[in-house]
Amino acid sequence: QVQLVESGGGLVQAGVSLRLSCEASGRTDNMYAMGWFRQAPGKEREFVASIRWSGSSTYYADSVKGRFTISRDNAKNTVYLQMNSLKPEDTAVYYCAAGRLGYITTFGYRERRSYEYWGQGTQVTVSS
């Protein structure tokens, strides 16, 4: 089992930056990739970004490419999502997720079903 705890959400104005953190604990040696997803009211949960636990591969949704950066600190078992130039449409609950090799290689980095473990979510609200 892997436990994930997100932090860093809040209410901000459009144009500013925010950094989310996701600390992992438990069987982290099983993790192959970490991802960030978000869910706005009345919408499906959507992929935002993901990163391999080792190596440098990162993946982004088109809607955040160039504004958001995913990174990790293996020593702290923590993944970050740096969000710049925030827009009102970025308002959502942001979820951290972790996936093992088999699921990721089968379904890819962008699919919800690739990730077995999920955090409780952190609210990000961007006002105009």
Foldseek 3Di string as FASTA:
>chain_A
DKAKAKDWADEEAAFAKTKMKIAIDDPCVQFQKKFKWWDDPPDDIFGAKMATPDDGDIDGDPVQPPFWDWDDDNVRNMIMIIGGRHDQVVWTWMKMFTAGDVLCVVPHDTDPSRTDYIYPTDTHGYHD
